[in-house]
Amino acid sequence: MSARPTAPASVLDELQLADDPDRWNALGFDVADGCCQLGGVCLRLLGRGAGRGLLGLSLRGLRSSQLDGLTASPSPAAPRELAPRHRNGVLDIDHVVAMSPVLDRTVQALQAAGLDLRRIREEPTPAGAPRQAFFRLGEAILEVIQMPAAAVERAGGEEVPARLWGLALNADLDRALAAMAPHIGDARAAVQEGRRIATLRRSAGLAIPVALMSLAPKR
């Protein structure tokens, strides 16, 4: 008897962000018609009036929109040609960051929706988050972080939903540091061996936390 064909894993097509295109353009990102294309993913800049932070994501191959509070919709769009490197040195998305008060609950919901769980890291982050789960969304990763206990309590307890939080982007980091000064911090060693990371400061004026990472050695 032949094996049942497996459904394709979900692939990130678009992220919706309540931020102004002019803010991204001023930092050296190329923006056209409200889209800042990062690799094959469109970061849709809807303006500050659209809400707060990362509003949602669109995925090819999504089986369910029940993602434990993360707003998601299926995308019928065909894959895009990869965008060229931005003038500030940014290439594409390394990972999208989400926060969860109950990691196992969120992982179960995302797997049921067709997202491809690659691993769960049972080690604390430098910021004190105890565990993280990593889902492959095509060229990008969704990193779901277990909120520390104190943060869960401040947010209202374990019943609150998971939420999208920020982005980490791949870049020619030295070029980006020069292009974005003084709105970016110093580069430091990343958790990933052989890579460096720098975080955009609040003076950059973006609606979400954004970090830039040097390219992986294989790239």
Protein backbone atom coordinates (compact mmCIF):
# COMPACT_ATOMS: atom_id res chain seq x y z
CA MET A 1 0.00 0.00 0.00
CA SER A 2 1.41 3.38 -0.98
CA ALA A 3 2.14 5.90 1.71
CA ARG A 4 -0.22 8.82 2.11
CA PRO A 5 1.36 11.99 0.69
CA THR A 6 2.28 14.49 3.35
CA ALA A 7 1.00 18.06 3.22
CA PRO A 8 3.64 20.65 2.41
CA ALA A 9 5.02 22.54 5.36
CA SER A 10 3.88 26.12 5.79
CA VAL A 11 6.05 28.78 4.15
CA LEU A 12 6.14 32.44 5.17
CA ASP A 13 4.88 34.76 2.43
CA GLU A 14 4.11 38.04 4.21
CA LEU A 15 4.29 39.76 7.58
CA GLN A 16 1.97 42.64 8.43
CA LEU A 17 3.43 45.42 10.58
CA ALA A 18 1.84 48.55 12.00
CA ASP A 19 4.69 50.86 11.05
CA ASP A 20 5.33 53.69 8.61
CA PRO A 21 7.23 53.00 5.36
CA ASP A 22 9.15 56.27 5.73
CA ARG A 23 10.76 55.04 8.94
CA TRP A 24 12.16 51.95 7.22
CA ASN A 25 13.22 53.87 4.15
CA ALA A 26 15.15 56.34 6.33
CA LEU A 27 17.16 53.43 7.74
CA GLY A 28 18.25 52.29 4.29
CA PHE A 29 15.55 49.73 3.51
CA ASP A 30 14.06 49.70 0.01
CA VAL A 31 10.28 50.12 0.24
CA ALA A 32 7.83 50.09 -2.67
CA ASP A 33 4.03 50.27 -2.44
CA GLY A 34 4.17 49.65 1.30
CA CYS A 35 6.22 46.46 0.95
CA CYS A 36 9.75 46.05 2.22
CA GLN A 37 10.77 42.79 0.58
CA LEU A 38 13.29 40.77 2.57
CA GLY A 39 14.45 37.82 0.51
CA GLY A 40 11.22 36.27 -0.72
CA VAL A 41 9.06 37.67 2.11
CA CYS A 42 7.06 40.90 1.99
CA LEU A 43 7.08 42.96 5.17
CA ARG A 44 3.81 44.86 4.64
CA LEU A 45 4.06 48.28 6.30
CA LEU A 46 0.50 49.36 7.12
CA GLY A 47 1.20 52.52 9.14
CA ARG A 48 1.05 53.19 12.87
CA GLY A 49 -2.71 53.66 12.69
CA ALA A 50 -3.21 49.98 11.80
CA GLY A 51 -2.55 48.78 15.33
CA ARG A 52 0.52 47.88 17.31
CA GLY A 53 3.62 45.92 16.35
CA LEU A 54 3.52 42.78 14.23
CA LEU A 55 -0.13 42.26 13.38
CA GLY A 56 0.01 38.89 11.64
CA LEU A 57 1.53 36.67 9.01
CA SER A 58 0.45 34.99 5.80
CA LEU A 59 1.63 31.46 5.06
CA ARG A 60 1.50 29.17 2.06
CA GLY A 61 0.35 25.70 3.08
CA LEU A 62 -1.39 26.84 6.27
CA ARG A 63 -3.90 24.22 7.44
CA SER A 64 -5.48 26.19 10.28
CA SER A 65 -5.51 29.78 11.50
CA GLN A 66 -5.72 28.63 15.14
CA LEU A 67 -2.16 29.47 16.22
CA ASP A 68 -2.69 30.04 19.94
CA GLY A 69 -3.29 33.75 19.43
CA LEU A 70 -0.88 34.44 16.58
CA THR A 71 -2.89 36.02 13.76
CA ALA A 72 -2.33 34.09 10.53
CA SER A 73 -3.98 33.70 7.16
CA PRO A 74 -3.38 31.36 4.20
CA SER A 75 -1.59 32.92 1.25
CA PRO A 76 -2.52 31.99 -2.33
CA ALA A 77 0.40 34.00 -3.75
CA ALA A 78 3.10 32.35 -5.81
CA PRO A 79 6.68 32.50 -4.49
CA ARG A 80 8.49 35.77 -5.25
CA GLU A 81 11.84 36.28 -6.84
CA LEU A 82 14.36 36.98 -4.10
CA ALA A 83 14.93 40.68 -3.50
CA PRO A 84 18.46 42.08 -3.86
CA ARG A 85 20.41 43.20 -0.83
CA HIS A 86 19.10 46.48 0.59
CA ARG A 87 21.34 49.53 0.43
CA ASN A 88 21.95 49.25 4.18
CA GLY A 89 23.37 45.73 3.79
CA VAL A 90 20.29 43.77 4.94
CA LEU A 91 19.60 40.63 2.92
CA ASP A 92 16.61 38.72 4.32
CA ILE A 93 14.86 37.45 7.45
CA ASP A 94 16.76 35.11 9.75
CA HIS A 95 13.90 34.60 12.20
CA VAL A 96 10.60 35.98 13.42
CA VAL A 97 10.24 36.06 17.21
CA ALA A 98 7.05 35.22 19.08
CA MET A 99 6.41 35.07 22.82
CA SER A 100 4.31 32.43 24.57
CA PRO A 101 3.24 32.08 28.20
CA VAL A 102 2.93 28.27 27.73
CA LEU A 103 5.38 27.01 25.14
CA ASP A 104 4.05 23.45 24.88
CA ARG A 105 0.52 24.73 24.23
CA THR A 106 1.72 27.02 21.44
CA VAL A 107 3.91 24.32 19.89
CA GLN A 108 0.96 21.94 19.75
CA ALA A 109 -1.25 24.55 18.04
CA LEU A 110 1.42 25.46 15.47
CA GLN A 111 2.12 21.84 14.58
CA ALA A 112 -1.61 21.20 14.14
CA ALA A 113 -1.72 24.13 11.70
CA GLY A 114 1.01 22.62 9.53
CA LEU A 115 4.11 24.39 10.80
CA ASP A 116 7.33 22.41 10.70
CA LEU A 117 8.84 22.06 14.19
CA ARG A 118 12.59 21.56 13.93
CA ARG A 119 13.67 21.51 17.56
CA ILE A 120 13.04 22.70 21.11
CA ARG A 121 15.99 24.23 22.90
CA GLU A 122 15.96 23.48 26.62
CA GLU A 123 18.48 26.15 27.53
CA PRO A 124 17.94 29.72 28.76
CA THR A 125 18.56 32.68 26.49
CA PRO A 126 20.83 35.55 27.58
CA ALA A 127 17.65 37.48 28.43
CA GLY A 128 16.45 34.71 30.75
CA ALA A 129 13.78 32.93 28.67
CA PRO A 130 13.94 29.27 29.74
CA ARG A 131 13.02 27.45 26.50
CA GLN A 132 12.57 28.12 22.77
CA ALA A 133 10.94 26.24 19.91
CA PHE A 134 12.02 26.68 16.28
CA PHE A 135 9.75 26.22 13.26
CA ARG A 136 10.99 26.28 9.67
CA LEU A 137 8.85 28.58 7.48
CA GLY A 138 10.68 28.25 4.20
CA GLU A 139 13.67 30.60 4.14
CA ALA A 140 12.87 32.02 7.61
CA ILE A 141 12.54 30.54 11.09
CA LEU A 142 9.78 31.22 13.61
CA GLU A 143 11.34 31.24 17.07
CA VAL A 144 8.76 30.88 19.83
CA ILE A 145 10.15 31.88 23.22
CA GLN A 146 8.77 30.74 26.56
CA MET A 147 8.19 33.91 28.57
CA PRO A 148 9.91 33.95 31.99
CA ALA A 149 7.56 33.42 34.92
CA ALA A 150 7.68 37.07 35.99
CA ALA A 151 6.76 38.22 32.48
CA VAL A 152 3.85 35.76 32.34
CA GLU A 153 2.52 37.17 35.61
CA ARG A 154 2.82 40.76 34.36
CA ALA A 155 1.03 39.83 31.13
CA GLY A 156 -1.97 38.41 33.00
CA GLY A 157 -1.18 34.74 33.54
CA GLU A 158 -0.87 31.60 31.45
CA GLU A 159 -4.30 32.09 29.83
CA VAL A 160 -3.10 35.00 27.67
CA PRO A 161 -2.38 34.09 24.02
CA ALA A 162 0.98 33.93 22.31
CA ARG A 163 2.01 37.05 20.40
CA LEU A 164 4.38 38.08 17.63
CA TRP A 165 7.19 40.26 18.94
CA GLY A 166 10.16 41.11 16.69
CA LEU A 167 12.53 40.29 13.84
CA ALA A 168 16.13 39.25 13.32
CA LEU A 169 17.50 40.04 9.87
CA ASN A 170 20.54 38.69 8.01
CA ALA A 171 22.94 41.37 6.83
CA ASP A 172 26.41 42.38 5.82
CA LEU A 173 26.75 43.50 9.40
CA ASP A 174 29.68 45.88 9.07
CA ARG A 175 27.94 47.65 6.22
CA ALA A 176 24.73 47.86 8.25
CA LEU A 177 26.53 49.23 11.30
CA ALA A 178 27.93 52.05 9.19
CA ALA A 179 24.65 52.74 7.36
CA MET A 180 22.46 52.79 10.48
CA ALA A 181 24.69 54.65 12.91
CA PRO A 182 23.92 56.04 15.45
CA HIS A 183 20.67 54.06 15.63
CA ILE A 184 22.26 50.63 16.13
CA GLY A 185 24.20 49.18 19.04
CA ASP A 186 27.61 47.56 19.00
CA ALA A 187 27.97 44.10 17.50
CA ARG A 188 28.47 41.22 19.93
CA ALA A 189 28.77 37.46 19.68
CA ALA A 190 25.48 35.75 18.81
CA VAL A 191 24.22 32.48 20.28
CA GLN A 192 24.90 30.91 16.86
CA GLU A 193 28.58 30.05 16.68
CA GLY A 194 30.62 32.22 14.35
CA ARG A 195 28.00 34.95 14.02
CA ARG A 196 27.55 38.44 15.43
CA ILE A 197 24.43 40.39 16.30
CA ALA A 198 23.53 44.05 16.84
CA THR A 199 20.21 45.54 17.94
CA LEU A 200 18.54 48.65 16.60
CA ARG A 201 18.11 51.32 19.26
CA ARG A 202 14.85 53.04 20.16
CA SER A 203 16.13 56.11 18.34
CA ALA A 204 15.60 54.17 15.08
CA GLY A 205 11.89 54.76 15.65
CA LEU A 206 10.65 51.34 14.56
CA ALA A 207 7.47 49.81 15.96
CA ILE A 208 9.09 46.47 16.89
CA PRO A 209 12.43 45.22 18.19
CA VAL A 210 14.78 44.47 15.28
CA ALA A 211 18.19 42.80 15.44
CA LEU A 212 20.70 42.38 12.63
CA MET A 213 22.88 39.28 12.34
CA SER A 214 26.01 38.62 10.32
CA LEU A 215 25.58 35.99 7.65
CA ALA A 216 26.05 32.37 8.59
CA PRO A 217 29.49 31.04 7.58
CA LYS A 218 27.93 28.76 4.93
CA ARG A 219 26.53 31.84 3.18
